[in-house]
Protein backbone atom coordinates (compact mmCIF):
# COMPACT_ATOMS: atom_id res chain seq x y z
CA UNK A 1 0.07 -0.04 -0.12
CA UNK A 2 2.93 2.32 0.88
CA UNK A 3 4.51 1.73 -2.19
CA UNK A 4 1.35 2.33 -4.53
CA UNK A 5 0.65 5.39 -2.33
CA UNK A 6 4.09 6.86 -3.21
CA UNK A 7 3.43 6.44 -6.89
CA UNK A 8 0.54 7.99 -6.45
CA UNK A 9 -1.51 5.16 -7.38
CA UNK A 10 -4.07 5.57 -4.82
CA UNK A 11 -6.92 3.08 -5.73
CA UNK A 12 -4.50 0.09 -5.60
CA UNK A 13 -3.01 1.52 -2.15
CA UNK A 14 -6.73 1.65 -0.79
CA UNK A 15 -6.94 -1.93 -1.82
CA UNK A 16 -3.82 -3.02 -0.38
CA UNK A 17 -4.49 -1.26 2.83
CA UNK A 18 -8.09 -2.93 3.01
CA UNK A 19 -6.52 -6.41 2.64
CA UNK A 20 -4.12 -5.73 5.38
CA UNK A 21 -7.14 -4.73 7.57
CA UNK A 22 -9.17 -7.77 6.37
CA UNK A 23 -6.06 -9.90 7.19
CA UNK A 24 -5.78 -7.97 10.92
CA UNK A 25 -8.70 -5.96 11.57
CA UNK A 26 -6.72 -4.69 14.71
CA UNK A 27 -3.88 -3.31 12.75
CA UNK A 28 -4.04 0.38 13.64
CA UNK A 29 -1.22 1.45 11.26
CA UNK A 30 -3.17 0.01 8.41
CA UNK A 31 -6.08 2.12 9.06
CA UNK A 32 -3.74 5.17 9.47
CA UNK A 33 -2.07 4.47 6.23
CA UNK A 34 -5.71 4.13 4.33
CA UNK A 35 -6.58 7.59 6.15
CA UNK A 36 -3.25 9.13 4.57
CA UNK A 37 -4.31 7.83 1.19
CA UNK A 38 -7.88 8.93 1.41
CA UNK A 39 -6.47 12.32 2.71
CA UNK A 40 -4.44 12.58 -0.42
CA UNK A 41 -7.38 11.73 -2.45
CA UNK A 42 -9.21 14.65 -0.87
CA UNK A 43 -11.89 12.49 0.55
CA UNK A 44 -11.75 13.80 4.20
CA UNK A 45 -14.54 12.03 5.53
CA UNK A 46 -13.16 8.83 4.87
CA UNK A 47 -9.91 10.21 6.08
CA UNK A 48 -11.31 11.36 9.47
CA UNK A 49 -13.18 7.75 9.86
CA UNK A 50 -9.84 5.62 9.14
CA UNK A 51 -7.66 7.86 11.67
CA UNK A 52 -10.34 7.52 14.33
CA UNK A 53 -10.48 3.98 13.97
CA UNK A 54 -6.75 3.92 14.01
CA UNK A 55 -6.81 5.69 17.24
CA UNK A 56 -9.46 3.51 18.97
CA UNK A 57 -6.99 0.53 18.41
CA UNK A 58 -3.90 2.18 19.30
CA UNK A 59 -4.45 5.68 21.15
CA UNK A 60 -0.64 6.10 21.15
CA UNK A 61 -0.75 6.83 17.31
CA UNK A 62 0.07 10.49 17.69
CA UNK A 63 0.44 10.86 13.96
CA UNK A 64 -3.44 10.13 13.39
CA UNK A 65 -4.06 13.03 16.01
CA UNK A 66 -1.66 15.39 13.84
CA UNK A 67 -3.39 14.42 10.60
CA UNK A 68 -7.05 14.85 12.29
CA UNK A 69 -5.59 18.41 13.54
CA UNK A 70 -4.48 19.20 10.05
CA UNK A 71 -7.85 18.50 8.45
CA UNK A 72 -9.75 20.13 10.99
CA UNK A 73 -7.84 23.22 10.86
CA UNK A 74 -8.02 23.40 6.95
CA UNK A 75 -11.93 22.96 7.34
CA UNK A 76 -11.88 26.09 10.01
CA UNK A 77 -12.64 23.89 12.89
CA UNK A 78 -9.79 25.39 15.03
CA UNK A 79 -11.15 23.91 18.28
CA UNK A 80 -11.08 20.33 16.86
CA UNK A 81 -7.73 21.05 15.26
CA UNK A 82 -6.36 22.16 18.74
CA UNK A 83 -8.01 19.11 20.59
CA UNK A 84 -5.99 16.79 18.40
CA UNK A 85 -2.77 18.20 18.33
CA UNK A 86 -3.03 18.48 22.13
CA UNK A 87 -3.89 14.80 22.17
CA UNK A 88 -0.48 14.23 19.80
CA UNK A 89 1.60 16.20 22.13
CA UNK A 90 0.11 14.06 25.41
CA UNK A 91 1.36 11.13 23.35
CA UNK A 92 4.63 12.51 22.01
CA UNK A 93 5.67 15.13 24.44
CA UNK A 94 8.39 17.59 23.79
CA UNK A 95 8.11 17.21 19.84
CA UNK A 96 8.91 20.57 18.58
CA UNK A 97 6.88 20.22 15.29
CA UNK A 98 3.95 19.34 17.07
CA UNK A 99 4.56 22.45 19.51
CA UNK A 100 4.94 24.59 16.69
CA UNK A 101 1.74 23.41 15.21
CA UNK A 102 -0.41 24.14 18.38
CA UNK A 103 1.02 27.49 18.48
CA UNK A 104 0.18 28.23 14.70
CA UNK A 105 -3.37 26.69 15.45
CA UNK A 106 -3.72 28.99 18.47
CA UNK A 107 -2.66 31.78 16.66
CA UNK A 108 -4.61 31.25 13.54
CA UNK A 109 -7.81 30.37 14.93
CA UNK A 110 -10.67 30.62 12.56
């Protein structure tokens, strides 16, 4: 799935990530990567759904919180963006990029 996504063959990437999920429905990274692919395709509702599923399985997957924050911020939902970036920092404290993202969100609330 990752290889297809890097090649921008998103349909094949989606298929491969779905196969991984069929094999192991508790594989949080597959849901996260499926979310990434949907995000790249502009299918944000499906991206959000898969990031949330990934987090239900593995609440320590800070990258899913980070990606949710980006989607919500770009949709003008600053409160949800801030909530999710804070959750990513709870899981990955001290990350300078996440701290910078939090500051940016707080300074640019829509």
